Amino acid sequence: MAAVTVVEKIYGGRVPIRYCRSSGAGAADTEATLTTTRGVPCLLKRVHVHYSGAVTQAGVTVGVDSGLGTNYDHLLHTGAADVVDTVYNPEGDGDLLSPGDEVVVVAPAGGATDVAYIQVLTEDL
């Protein structure tokens, strides 16, 4: 389900900032899960989930599957139920992810014809 695009931006002679966008789409009336692993230290900058139409769903969840094991997994965000767009913007510089950590986004089934589109943006450190 996931496609990964790495985009490098350079600003005025400073050290390049390297962003990675992972994305995927589910199928109609099916729960969609996007798991993204960078393998390098990075900051989670943004998660956006968009449904193709008006939905009835329990709420999108964003969590971390820790490389240290299940005792260290944690939930970062639970979106409101029945919304077309769920956006998670971490406070400050972003959520720190270590090598081996995975961002897991779960978009519940939204309805007979509704498809979930998921994007995750990270910045390498």
Foldseek 3Di string as FASTA:
>chain_A
DKDKDKDWDDDDPDDIKIKMKIKDKDAAQAKDKDKDADQAKKFWAKKKKAKPDFFFAQWKWKWKQAQVHDVPIDTDDTGHGRDGMDMDGDPDPGHIHHRRMMIMIIDHRTDRHMMMMMMTMIIGD
